[in-house]
Full PDB file with SEQRES, HELIX, SHEET, SSBOND, CRYST1, ORIGX, SCALE, CONECT and MASTER records, all heavy atoms in Angstrom:
SEQRES   1 A   37  PRO ASN GLN TYR GLN MET ILE VAL GLN ARG THR ARG SER          
SEQRES   2 A   37  ILE TYR ASP ASN MET LYS GLN ASN HIS PRO PHE LEU THR          
SEQRES   3 A   37  SER SER GLU ASP SER GLY PHE ALA ALA LEU LEU                  
HELIX    1 AA1 TYR A    4  ASN A   21  1                                  18    
HELIX    2 AA2 SER A   28  ASP A   30  5                                   3    
HELIX    3 AA3 SER A   31  LEU A   36  1                                   6    
CRYST1    1.000    1.000    1.000  90.00  90.00  90.00 P 1           1          
ORIGX1      1.000000  0.000000  0.000000        0.00000                         
ORIGX2      0.000000  1.000000  0.000000        0.00000                         
ORIGX3      0.000000  0.000000  1.000000        0.00000                         
SCALE1      1.000000  0.000000  0.000000        0.00000                         
SCALE2      0.000000  1.000000  0.000000        0.00000                         
SCALE3      0.000000  0.000000  1.000000        0.00000                         
ATOM      1  N   PRO A   1       0.793  -1.233   0.001  1.00  0.00           N  
ATOM      2  CA  PRO A   1       0.001   0.015   0.004  1.00  0.00           C  
ATOM      3  C   PRO A   1       0.820   1.285   0.008  1.00  0.00           C  
ATOM      4  O   PRO A   1       0.436   2.268  -0.609  1.00  0.00           O  
ATOM      5  CB  PRO A   1      -0.860  -0.109   1.280  1.00  0.00           C  
ATOM      6  CG  PRO A   1      -0.979  -1.583   1.467  1.00  0.00           C  
ATOM      7  CD  PRO A   1       0.307  -2.195   1.003  1.00  0.00           C  
ATOM      8  N   ASN A   2       2.015   1.284   0.641  1.00  0.00           N  
ATOM      9  CA  ASN A   2       2.815   2.479   0.661  1.00  0.00           C  
ATOM     10  C   ASN A   2       3.480   2.796  -0.684  1.00  0.00           C  
ATOM     11  O   ASN A   2       4.108   3.813  -0.861  1.00  0.00           O  
ATOM     12  CB  ASN A   2       3.861   2.439   1.767  1.00  0.00           C  
ATOM     13  CG  ASN A   2       4.811   1.258   1.630  1.00  0.00           C  
ATOM     14  OD1 ASN A   2       4.713   0.449   0.691  1.00  0.00           O  
ATOM     15  ND2 ASN A   2       5.783   1.164   2.570  1.00  0.00           N  
ATOM     16  N   GLN A   3       3.359   1.850  -1.631  1.00  0.00           N  
ATOM     17  CA  GLN A   3       3.903   2.045  -2.996  1.00  0.00           C  
ATOM     18  C   GLN A   3       2.866   2.471  -4.009  1.00  0.00           C  
ATOM     19  O   GLN A   3       3.176   2.793  -5.124  1.00  0.00           O  
ATOM     20  CB  GLN A   3       4.519   0.735  -3.491  1.00  0.00           C  
ATOM     21  CG  GLN A   3       5.750   0.269  -2.731  1.00  0.00           C  
ATOM     22  CD  GLN A   3       6.260  -1.064  -3.336  1.00  0.00           C  
ATOM     23  OE1 GLN A   3       5.529  -2.004  -3.502  1.00  0.00           O  
ATOM     24  NE2 GLN A   3       7.533  -1.061  -3.700  1.00  0.00           N  
ATOM     25  N   TYR A   4       1.589   2.462  -3.593  1.00  0.00           N  
ATOM     26  CA  TYR A   4       0.516   2.710  -4.574  1.00  0.00           C  
ATOM     27  C   TYR A   4       0.690   4.005  -5.365  1.00  0.00           C  
ATOM     28  O   TYR A   4       0.604   4.000  -6.587  1.00  0.00           O  
ATOM     29  CB  TYR A   4      -0.850   2.732  -3.883  1.00  0.00           C  
ATOM     30  CG  TYR A   4      -1.346   1.410  -3.349  1.00  0.00           C  
ATOM     31  CD1 TYR A   4      -2.415   1.349  -2.472  1.00  0.00           C  
ATOM     32  CD2 TYR A   4      -0.753   0.198  -3.743  1.00  0.00           C  
ATOM     33  CE1 TYR A   4      -2.889   0.144  -1.964  1.00  0.00           C  
ATOM     34  CE2 TYR A   4      -1.245  -1.032  -3.249  1.00  0.00           C  
ATOM     35  CZ  TYR A   4      -2.309  -1.051  -2.362  1.00  0.00           C  
ATOM     36  OH  TYR A   4      -2.794  -2.240  -1.877  1.00  0.00           O  
ATOM     37  N   GLN A   5       0.951   5.090  -4.672  1.00  0.00           N  
ATOM     38  CA  GLN A   5       1.064   6.391  -5.342  1.00  0.00           C  
ATOM     39  C   GLN A   5       2.220   6.420  -6.362  1.00  0.00           C  
ATOM     40  O   GLN A   5       2.076   6.875  -7.481  1.00  0.00           O  
ATOM     41  CB  GLN A   5       1.244   7.538  -4.344  1.00  0.00           C  
ATOM     42  CG  GLN A   5       1.180   8.935  -4.920  1.00  0.00           C  
ATOM     43  CD  GLN A   5      -0.140   9.243  -5.626  1.00  0.00           C  
ATOM     44  OE1 GLN A   5      -1.217   8.998  -5.031  1.00  0.00           O  
ATOM     45  NE2 GLN A   5      -0.123   9.744  -6.846  1.00  0.00           N  
ATOM     46  N   MET A   6       3.356   5.860  -5.942  1.00  0.00           N  
ATOM     47  CA  MET A   6       4.523   5.822  -6.826  1.00  0.00           C  
ATOM     48  C   MET A   6       4.217   4.970  -8.055  1.00  0.00           C  
ATOM     49  O   MET A   6       4.567   5.328  -9.195  1.00  0.00           O  
ATOM     50  CB  MET A   6       5.718   5.239  -6.045  1.00  0.00           C  
ATOM     51  CG  MET A   6       6.997   5.132  -6.865  1.00  0.00           C  
ATOM     52  SD  MET A   6       7.157   3.519  -7.702  1.00  0.00           S  
ATOM     53  CE  MET A   6       7.470   2.422  -6.339  1.00  0.00           C  
ATOM     54  N   ILE A   7       3.560   3.844  -7.872  1.00  0.00           N  
ATOM     55  CA  ILE A   7       3.280   2.941  -8.997  1.00  0.00           C  
ATOM     56  C   ILE A   7       2.243   3.562  -9.945  1.00  0.00           C  
ATOM     57  O   ILE A   7       2.358   3.450 -11.159  1.00  0.00           O  
ATOM     58  CB  ILE A   7       2.854   1.557  -8.490  1.00  0.00           C  
ATOM     59  CG1 ILE A   7       4.034   0.948  -7.811  1.00  0.00           C  
ATOM     60  CG2 ILE A   7       2.310   0.695  -9.628  1.00  0.00           C  
ATOM     61  CD1 ILE A   7       4.220  -0.416  -7.522  1.00  0.00           C  
ATOM     62  N   VAL A   8       1.290   4.244  -9.374  1.00  0.00           N  
ATOM     63  CA  VAL A   8       0.292   4.976 -10.206  1.00  0.00           C  
ATOM     64  C   VAL A   8       1.008   6.010 -11.104  1.00  0.00           C  
ATOM     65  O   VAL A   8       0.769   6.101 -12.311  1.00  0.00           O  
ATOM     66  CB  VAL A   8      -0.796   5.619  -9.356  1.00  0.00           C  
ATOM     67  CG1 VAL A   8      -1.635   6.640 -10.136  1.00  0.00           C  
ATOM     68  CG2 VAL A   8      -1.729   4.579  -8.763  1.00  0.00           C  
ATOM     69  N   GLN A   9       1.910   6.774 -10.524  1.00  0.00           N  
ATOM     70  CA  GLN A   9       2.669   7.783 -11.262  1.00  0.00           C  
ATOM     71  C   GLN A   9       3.514   7.129 -12.354  1.00  0.00           C  
ATOM     72  O   GLN A   9       3.606   7.596 -13.472  1.00  0.00           O  
ATOM     73  CB  GLN A   9       3.569   8.592 -10.320  1.00  0.00           C  
ATOM     74  CG  GLN A   9       2.837   9.405  -9.294  1.00  0.00           C  
ATOM     75  CD  GLN A   9       2.118  10.639  -9.890  1.00  0.00           C  
ATOM     76  OE1 GLN A   9       2.397  11.061 -10.974  1.00  0.00           O  
ATOM     77  NE2 GLN A   9       1.197  11.193  -9.143  1.00  0.00           N  
ATOM     78  N   ARG A  10       4.189   6.026 -12.005  1.00  0.00           N  
ATOM     79  CA  ARG A  10       5.025   5.308 -12.939  1.00  0.00           C  
ATOM     80  C   ARG A  10       4.155   4.708 -14.073  1.00  0.00           C  
ATOM     81  O   ARG A  10       4.582   4.688 -15.242  1.00  0.00           O  
ATOM     82  CB  ARG A  10       5.768   4.219 -12.180  1.00  0.00           C  
ATOM     83  CG  ARG A  10       6.878   3.545 -12.967  1.00  0.00           C  
ATOM     84  CD  ARG A  10       7.786   2.777 -12.002  1.00  0.00           C  
ATOM     85  NE  ARG A  10       8.092   1.415 -12.418  1.00  0.00           N  
ATOM     86  CZ  ARG A  10       9.098   1.070 -13.160  1.00  0.00           C  
ATOM     87  NH1 ARG A  10       9.935   1.975 -13.639  1.00  0.00           N  
ATOM     88  NH2 ARG A  10       9.317  -0.193 -13.479  1.00  0.00           N  
ATOM     89  N   THR A  11       2.979   4.265 -13.745  1.00  0.00           N  
ATOM     90  CA  THR A  11       2.042   3.710 -14.767  1.00  0.00           C  
ATOM     91  C   THR A  11       1.736   4.807 -15.795  1.00  0.00           C  
ATOM     92  O   THR A  11       1.779   4.532 -17.004  1.00  0.00           O  
ATOM     93  CB  THR A  11       0.759   3.240 -14.103  1.00  0.00           C  
ATOM     94  OG1 THR A  11       1.044   2.163 -13.183  1.00  0.00           O  
ATOM     95  CG2 THR A  11      -0.269   2.728 -15.127  1.00  0.00           C  
ATOM     96  N   ARG A  12       1.480   6.008 -15.330  1.00  0.00           N  
ATOM     97  CA  ARG A  12       1.151   7.097 -16.249  1.00  0.00           C  
ATOM     98  C   ARG A  12       2.373   7.474 -17.128  1.00  0.00           C  
ATOM     99  O   ARG A  12       2.237   7.711 -18.312  1.00  0.00           O  
ATOM    100  CB  ARG A  12       0.682   8.361 -15.482  1.00  0.00           C  
ATOM    101  CG  ARG A  12       0.277   9.523 -16.371  1.00  0.00           C  
ATOM    102  CD  ARG A  12      -0.960   9.183 -17.167  1.00  0.00           C  
ATOM    103  NE  ARG A  12      -0.888   9.717 -18.533  1.00  0.00           N  
ATOM    104  CZ  ARG A  12      -1.931   9.828 -19.334  1.00  0.00           C  
ATOM    105  NH1 ARG A  12      -3.133   9.495 -18.920  1.00  0.00           N  
ATOM    106  NH2 ARG A  12      -1.797  10.292 -20.541  1.00  0.00           N  
ATOM    107  N   SER A  13       3.537   7.463 -16.497  1.00  0.00           N  
ATOM    108  CA  SER A  13       4.747   7.795 -17.236  1.00  0.00           C  
ATOM    109  C   SER A  13       5.027   6.786 -18.354  1.00  0.00           C  
ATOM    110  O   SER A  13       5.352   7.133 -19.489  1.00  0.00           O  
ATOM    111  CB  SER A  13       5.933   7.869 -16.259  1.00  0.00           C  
ATOM    112  OG  SER A  13       7.147   8.102 -16.931  1.00  0.00           O  
ATOM    113  N   ILE A  14       4.858   5.481 -18.025  1.00  0.00           N  
ATOM    114  CA  ILE A  14       5.081   4.446 -19.021  1.00  0.00           C  
ATOM    115  C   ILE A  14       4.001   4.553 -20.130  1.00  0.00           C  
ATOM    116  O   ILE A  14       4.345   4.439 -21.328  1.00  0.00           O  
ATOM    117  CB  ILE A  14       5.064   3.048 -18.372  1.00  0.00           C  
ATOM    118  CG1 ILE A  14       6.320   2.880 -17.494  1.00  0.00           C  
ATOM    119  CG2 ILE A  14       4.965   1.940 -19.397  1.00  0.00           C  
ATOM    120  CD1 ILE A  14       6.310   1.691 -16.587  1.00  0.00           C  
ATOM    121  N   TYR A  15       2.797   4.819 -19.750  1.00  0.00           N  
ATOM    122  CA  TYR A  15       1.707   4.979 -20.729  1.00  0.00           C  
ATOM    123  C   TYR A  15       2.011   6.148 -21.669  1.00  0.00           C  
ATOM    124  O   TYR A  15       1.818   6.032 -22.866  1.00  0.00           O  
ATOM    125  CB  TYR A  15       0.369   5.182 -19.996  1.00  0.00           C  
ATOM    126  CG  TYR A  15      -0.786   5.343 -20.900  1.00  0.00           C  
ATOM    127  CD1 TYR A  15      -1.481   4.231 -21.392  1.00  0.00           C  
ATOM    128  CD2 TYR A  15      -1.198   6.609 -21.338  1.00  0.00           C  
ATOM    129  CE1 TYR A  15      -2.582   4.390 -22.251  1.00  0.00           C  
ATOM    130  CE2 TYR A  15      -2.287   6.748 -22.200  1.00  0.00           C  
ATOM    131  CZ  TYR A  15      -2.937   5.653 -22.647  1.00  0.00           C  
ATOM    132  OH  TYR A  15      -4.021   5.785 -23.507  1.00  0.00           O  
ATOM    133  N   ASP A  16       2.487   7.250 -21.118  1.00  0.00           N  
ATOM    134  CA  ASP A  16       2.827   8.453 -21.939  1.00  0.00           C  
ATOM    135  C   ASP A  16       3.892   8.080 -22.982  1.00  0.00           C  
ATOM    136  O   ASP A  16       3.868   8.554 -24.112  1.00  0.00           O  
ATOM    137  CB  ASP A  16       3.283   9.607 -21.056  1.00  0.00           C  
ATOM    138  CG  ASP A  16       2.115  10.240 -20.306  1.00  0.00           C  
ATOM    139  OD1 ASP A  16       0.950  10.046 -20.728  1.00  0.00           O  
ATOM    140  OD2 ASP A  16       2.383  10.938 -19.311  1.00  0.00           O  
ATOM    141  N   ASN A  17       4.873   7.279 -22.567  1.00  0.00           N  
ATOM    142  CA  ASN A  17       5.929   6.834 -23.484  1.00  0.00           C  
ATOM    143  C   ASN A  17       5.372   5.944 -24.572  1.00  0.00           C  
ATOM    144  O   ASN A  17       5.775   6.046 -25.735  1.00  0.00           O  
ATOM    145  CB  ASN A  17       7.056   6.143 -22.711  1.00  0.00           C  
ATOM    146  CG  ASN A  17       8.041   7.129 -22.141  1.00  0.00           C  
ATOM    147  OD1 ASN A  17       8.689   7.892 -22.837  1.00  0.00           O  
ATOM    148  ND2 ASN A  17       8.123   7.150 -20.798  1.00  0.00           N  
ATOM    149  N   MET A  18       4.467   5.041 -24.185  1.00  0.00           N  
ATOM    150  CA  MET A  18       3.783   4.201 -25.188  1.00  0.00           C  
ATOM    151  C   MET A  18       3.044   5.063 -26.215  1.00  0.00           C  
ATOM    152  O   MET A  18       3.138   4.858 -27.415  1.00  0.00           O  
ATOM    153  CB  MET A  18       2.757   3.284 -24.514  1.00  0.00           C  
ATOM    154  CG  MET A  18       3.305   2.195 -23.649  1.00  0.00           C  
ATOM    155  SD  MET A  18       1.848   1.349 -22.873  1.00  0.00           S  
ATOM    156  CE  MET A  18       2.661   0.029 -22.003  1.00  0.00           C  
ATOM    157  N   LYS A  19       2.341   6.065 -25.676  1.00  0.00           N  
ATOM    158  CA  LYS A  19       1.540   6.958 -26.531  1.00  0.00           C  
ATOM    159  C   LYS A  19       2.440   7.800 -27.449  1.00  0.00           C  
ATOM    160  O   LYS A  19       2.083   8.035 -28.605  1.00  0.00           O  
ATOM    161  CB  LYS A  19       0.705   7.909 -25.622  1.00  0.00           C  
ATOM    162  CG  LYS A  19      -0.352   8.712 -26.334  1.00  0.00           C  
ATOM    163  CD  LYS A  19      -1.628   7.891 -26.450  1.00  0.00           C  
ATOM    164  CE  LYS A  19      -2.737   8.760 -27.011  1.00  0.00           C  
ATOM    165  NZ  LYS A  19      -3.833   7.927 -27.531  1.00  0.00           N  
ATOM    166  N   GLN A  20       3.560   8.211 -26.942  1.00  0.00           N  
ATOM    167  CA  GLN A  20       4.509   8.987 -27.731  1.00  0.00           C  
ATOM    168  C   GLN A  20       5.024   8.153 -28.926  1.00  0.00           C  
ATOM    169  O   GLN A  20       5.144   8.662 -30.029  1.00  0.00           O  
ATOM    170  CB  GLN A  20       5.684   9.480 -26.867  1.00  0.00           C  
ATOM    171  CG  GLN A  20       6.581  10.427 -27.583  1.00  0.00           C  
ATOM    172  CD  GLN A  20       7.691  10.967 -26.650  1.00  0.00           C  
ATOM    173  OE1 GLN A  20       7.627  10.753 -25.442  1.00  0.00           O  
ATOM    174  NE2 GLN A  20       8.646  11.648 -27.200  1.00  0.00           N  
ATOM    175  N   ASN A  21       5.311   6.887 -28.668  1.00  0.00           N  
ATOM    176  CA  ASN A  21       5.825   6.028 -29.745  1.00  0.00           C  
ATOM    177  C   ASN A  21       4.744   5.566 -30.711  1.00  0.00           C  
ATOM    178  O   ASN A  21       4.981   5.354 -31.891  1.00  0.00           O  
ATOM    179  CB  ASN A  21       6.506   4.787 -29.112  1.00  0.00           C  
ATOM    180  CG  ASN A  21       7.824   5.119 -28.484  1.00  0.00           C  
ATOM    181  OD1 ASN A  21       8.476   6.112 -28.817  1.00  0.00           O  
ATOM    182  ND2 ASN A  21       8.225   4.352 -27.499  1.00  0.00           N  
ATOM    183  N   HIS A  22       3.515   5.385 -30.173  1.00  0.00           N  
ATOM    184  CA  HIS A  22       2.417   4.856 -31.032  1.00  0.00           C  
ATOM    185  C   HIS A  22       1.117   5.618 -30.679  1.00  0.00           C  
ATOM    186  O   HIS A  22       0.213   5.076 -30.032  1.00  0.00           O  
ATOM    187  CB  HIS A  22       2.213   3.370 -30.774  1.00  0.00           C  
ATOM    188  CG  HIS A  22       3.441   2.574 -31.107  1.00  0.00           C  
ATOM    189  ND1 HIS A  22       3.787   2.245 -32.413  1.00  0.00           N  
ATOM    190  CD2 HIS A  22       4.391   2.031 -30.310  1.00  0.00           C  
ATOM    191  CE1 HIS A  22       4.895   1.547 -32.401  1.00  0.00           C  
ATOM    192  NE2 HIS A  22       5.295   1.417 -31.138  1.00  0.00           N  
ATOM    193  N   PRO A  23       1.003   6.892 -31.121  1.00  0.00           N  
ATOM    194  CA  PRO A  23      -0.145   7.719 -30.756  1.00  0.00           C  
ATOM    195  C   PRO A  23      -1.471   7.164 -31.196  1.00  0.00           C  
ATOM    196  O   PRO A  23      -2.496   7.338 -30.503  1.00  0.00           O  
ATOM    197  CB  PRO A  23       0.169   9.067 -31.391  1.00  0.00           C  
ATOM    198  CG  PRO A  23       1.219   8.815 -32.399  1.00  0.00           C  
ATOM    199  CD  PRO A  23       1.962   7.602 -31.963  1.00  0.00           C  
ATOM    200  N   PHE A  24      -1.523   6.467 -32.311  1.00  0.00           N  
ATOM    201  CA  PHE A  24      -2.806   5.979 -32.824  1.00  0.00           C  
ATOM    202  C   PHE A  24      -3.164   4.577 -32.313  1.00  0.00           C  
ATOM    203  O   PHE A  24      -4.302   4.163 -32.332  1.00  0.00           O  
ATOM    204  CB  PHE A  24      -2.833   5.998 -34.361  1.00  0.00           C  
ATOM    205  CG  PHE A  24      -2.631   7.368 -34.957  1.00  0.00           C  
ATOM    206  CD1 PHE A  24      -1.465   7.714 -35.583  1.00  0.00           C  
ATOM    207  CD2 PHE A  24      -3.607   8.340 -34.759  1.00  0.00           C  
ATOM    208  CE1 PHE A  24      -1.287   8.984 -36.102  1.00  0.00           C  
ATOM    209  CE2 PHE A  24      -3.431   9.633 -35.252  1.00  0.00           C  
ATOM    210  CZ  PHE A  24      -2.295   9.962 -35.920  1.00  0.00           C  
ATOM    211  N   LEU A  25      -2.144   3.840 -31.867  1.00  0.00           N  
ATOM    212  CA  LEU A  25      -2.396   2.471 -31.386  1.00  0.00           C  
ATOM    213  C   LEU A  25      -2.676   2.437 -29.891  1.00  0.00           C  
ATOM    214  O   LEU A  25      -3.416   1.616 -29.406  1.00  0.00           O  
ATOM    215  CB  LEU A  25      -1.198   1.582 -31.681  1.00  0.00           C  
ATOM    216  CG  LEU A  25      -0.890   1.258 -33.144  1.00  0.00           C  
ATOM    217  CD1 LEU A  25       0.351   0.374 -33.241  1.00  0.00           C  
ATOM    218  CD2 LEU A  25      -2.060   0.561 -33.801  1.00  0.00           C  
ATOM    219  N   THR A  26      -2.081   3.355 -29.138  1.00  0.00           N  
ATOM    220  CA  THR A  26      -2.174   3.333 -27.686  1.00  0.00           C  
ATOM    221  C   THR A  26      -3.507   3.907 -27.241  1.00  0.00           C  
ATOM    222  O   THR A  26      -3.888   5.010 -27.610  1.00  0.00           O  
ATOM    223  CB  THR A  26      -1.008   4.124 -27.030  1.00  0.00           C  
ATOM    224  OG1 THR A  26       0.215   3.619 -27.560  1.00  0.00           O  
ATOM    225  CG2 THR A  26      -1.028   3.987 -25.527  1.00  0.00           C  
ATOM    226  N   SER A  27      -4.238   3.131 -26.427  1.00  0.00           N  
ATOM    227  CA  SER A  27      -5.557   3.557 -25.927  1.00  0.00           C  
ATOM    228  C   SER A  27      -5.732   3.056 -24.493  1.00  0.00           C  
ATOM    229  O   SER A  27      -4.817   2.500 -23.884  1.00  0.00           O  
ATOM    230  CB  SER A  27      -6.660   3.039 -26.828  1.00  0.00           C  
ATOM    231  OG  SER A  27      -6.635   1.621 -26.826  1.00  0.00           O  
ATOM    232  N   SER A  28      -6.938   3.216 -23.934  1.00  0.00           N  
ATOM    233  CA  SER A  28      -7.181   2.886 -22.542  1.00  0.00           C  
ATOM    234  C   SER A  28      -6.863   1.442 -22.228  1.00  0.00           C  
ATOM    235  O   SER A  28      -6.479   1.117 -21.074  1.00  0.00           O  
ATOM    236  CB  SER A  28      -8.614   3.217 -22.183  1.00  0.00           C  
ATOM    237  OG  SER A  28      -9.504   2.517 -23.018  1.00  0.00           O  
ATOM    238  N   GLU A  29      -6.980   0.530 -23.195  1.00  0.00           N  
ATOM    239  CA  GLU A  29      -6.685  -0.882 -22.945  1.00  0.00           C  
ATOM    240  C   GLU A  29      -5.233  -1.107 -22.559  1.00  0.00           C  
ATOM    241  O   GLU A  29      -4.894  -2.097 -21.925  1.00  0.00           O  
ATOM    242  CB  GLU A  29      -7.071  -1.734 -24.137  1.00  0.00           C  
ATOM    243  CG  GLU A  29      -6.263  -1.504 -25.378  1.00  0.00           C  
ATOM    244  CD  GLU A  29      -6.858  -2.161 -26.587  1.00  0.00           C  
ATOM    245  OE1 GLU A  29      -7.910  -1.712 -27.048  1.00  0.00           O  
ATOM    246  OE2 GLU A  29      -6.215  -3.097 -27.116  1.00  0.00           O  
ATOM    247  N   ASP A  30      -4.342  -0.163 -22.939  1.00  0.00           N  
ATOM    248  CA  ASP A  30      -2.929  -0.303 -22.624  1.00  0.00           C  
ATOM    249  C   ASP A  30      -2.587   0.109 -21.207  1.00  0.00           C  
ATOM    250  O   ASP A  30      -1.450  -0.098 -20.770  1.00  0.00           O  
ATOM    251  CB  ASP A  30      -2.105   0.510 -23.626  1.00  0.00           C  
ATOM    252  CG  ASP A  30      -2.238  -0.061 -25.055  1.00  0.00           C  
ATOM    253  OD1 ASP A  30      -1.831  -1.232 -25.259  1.00  0.00           O  
ATOM    254  OD2 ASP A  30      -2.718   0.653 -25.946  1.00  0.00           O  
ATOM    255  N   SER A  31      -3.548   0.702 -20.497  1.00  0.00           N  
ATOM    256  CA  SER A  31      -3.277   1.102 -19.106  1.00  0.00           C  
ATOM    257  C   SER A  31      -2.935  -0.087 -18.229  1.00  0.00           C  
ATOM    258  O   SER A  31      -2.117  -0.003 -17.323  1.00  0.00           O  
ATOM    259  CB  SER A  31      -4.442   1.875 -18.513  1.00  0.00           C  
ATOM    260  OG  SER A  31      -5.626   1.114 -18.537  1.00  0.00           O  
ATOM    261  N   GLY A  32      -3.560  -1.238 -18.488  1.00  0.00           N  
ATOM    262  CA  GLY A  32      -3.290  -2.464 -17.719  1.00  0.00           C  
ATOM    263  C   GLY A  32      -1.847  -2.931 -17.929  1.00  0.00           C  
ATOM    264  O   GLY A  32      -1.177  -3.300 -16.965  1.00  0.00           O  
ATOM    265  N   PHE A  33      -1.382  -2.885 -19.207  1.00  0.00           N  
ATOM    266  CA  PHE A  33      -0.024  -3.285 -19.500  1.00  0.00           C  
ATOM    267  C   PHE A  33       0.966  -2.269 -18.851  1.00  0.00           C  
ATOM    268  O   PHE A  33       2.002  -2.662 -18.321  1.00  0.00           O  
ATOM    269  CB  PHE A  33       0.250  -3.302 -21.006  1.00  0.00           C  
ATOM    270  CG  PHE A  33      -0.431  -4.441 -21.697  1.00  0.00           C  
ATOM    271  CD1 PHE A  33      -1.392  -4.211 -22.684  1.00  0.00           C  
ATOM    272  CD2 PHE A  33      -0.109  -5.788 -21.399  1.00  0.00           C  
ATOM    273  CE1 PHE A  33      -2.012  -5.281 -23.335  1.00  0.00           C  
ATOM    274  CE2 PHE A  33      -0.724  -6.833 -22.056  1.00  0.00           C  
ATOM    275  CZ  PHE A  33      -1.701  -6.585 -23.007  1.00  0.00           C  
ATOM    276  N   ALA A  34       0.615  -1.011 -18.918  1.00  0.00           N  
ATOM    277  CA  ALA A  34       1.473   0.030 -18.304  1.00  0.00           C  
ATOM    278  C   ALA A  34       1.617  -0.223 -16.802  1.00  0.00           C  
ATOM    279  O   ALA A  34       2.690  -0.085 -16.224  1.00  0.00           O  
ATOM    280  CB  ALA A  34       0.909   1.425 -18.568  1.00  0.00           C  
ATOM    281  N   ALA A  35       0.505  -0.617 -16.167  1.00  0.00           N  
ATOM    282  CA  ALA A  35       0.533  -0.926 -14.706  1.00  0.00           C  
ATOM    283  C   ALA A  35       1.429  -2.120 -14.437  1.00  0.00           C  
ATOM    284  O   ALA A  35       2.233  -2.111 -13.469  1.00  0.00           O  
ATOM    285  CB  ALA A  35      -0.880  -1.172 -14.200  1.00  0.00           C  
ATOM    286  N   LEU A  36       1.303  -3.182 -15.259  1.00  0.00           N  
ATOM    287  CA  LEU A  36       2.163  -4.349 -15.045  1.00  0.00           C  
ATOM    288  C   LEU A  36       3.642  -4.009 -15.210  1.00  0.00           C  
ATOM    289  O   LEU A  36       4.490  -4.496 -14.453  1.00  0.00           O  
ATOM    290  CB  LEU A  36       1.735  -5.470 -15.996  1.00  0.00           C  
ATOM    291  CG  LEU A  36       0.398  -6.136 -15.708  1.00  0.00           C  
ATOM    292  CD1 LEU A  36       0.062  -7.096 -16.829  1.00  0.00           C  
ATOM    293  CD2 LEU A  36       0.445  -6.864 -14.360  1.00  0.00           C  
ATOM    294  N   LEU A  37       3.938  -3.180 -16.191  1.00  0.00           N  
ATOM    295  CA  LEU A  37       5.331  -2.753 -16.387  1.00  0.00           C  
ATOM    296  C   LEU A  37       5.802  -1.872 -15.239  1.00  0.00           C  
ATOM    297  O   LEU A  37       6.939  -1.963 -14.793  1.00  0.00           O  
ATOM    298  CB  LEU A  37       5.467  -2.016 -17.725  1.00  0.00           C  
ATOM    299  CG  LEU A  37       5.403  -2.912 -18.964  1.00  0.00           C  
ATOM    300  CD1 LEU A  37       5.035  -2.092 -20.201  1.00  0.00           C  
ATOM    301  CD2 LEU A  37       6.709  -3.621 -19.160  1.00  0.00           C  
TER     302      LEU A  37                                                      
MASTER        0    0    0    3    0    0    0    6  301    1    0    3          
END                                                                             
């Protein structure tokens, strides 16, 4: 639980990088993969 905030922020950062590389392919379904990463 003490890592939740950090992991949420990291999830968004990874998602943003995915979106930057593939703006048309990356969508909400990729948020789960971003969280796992």
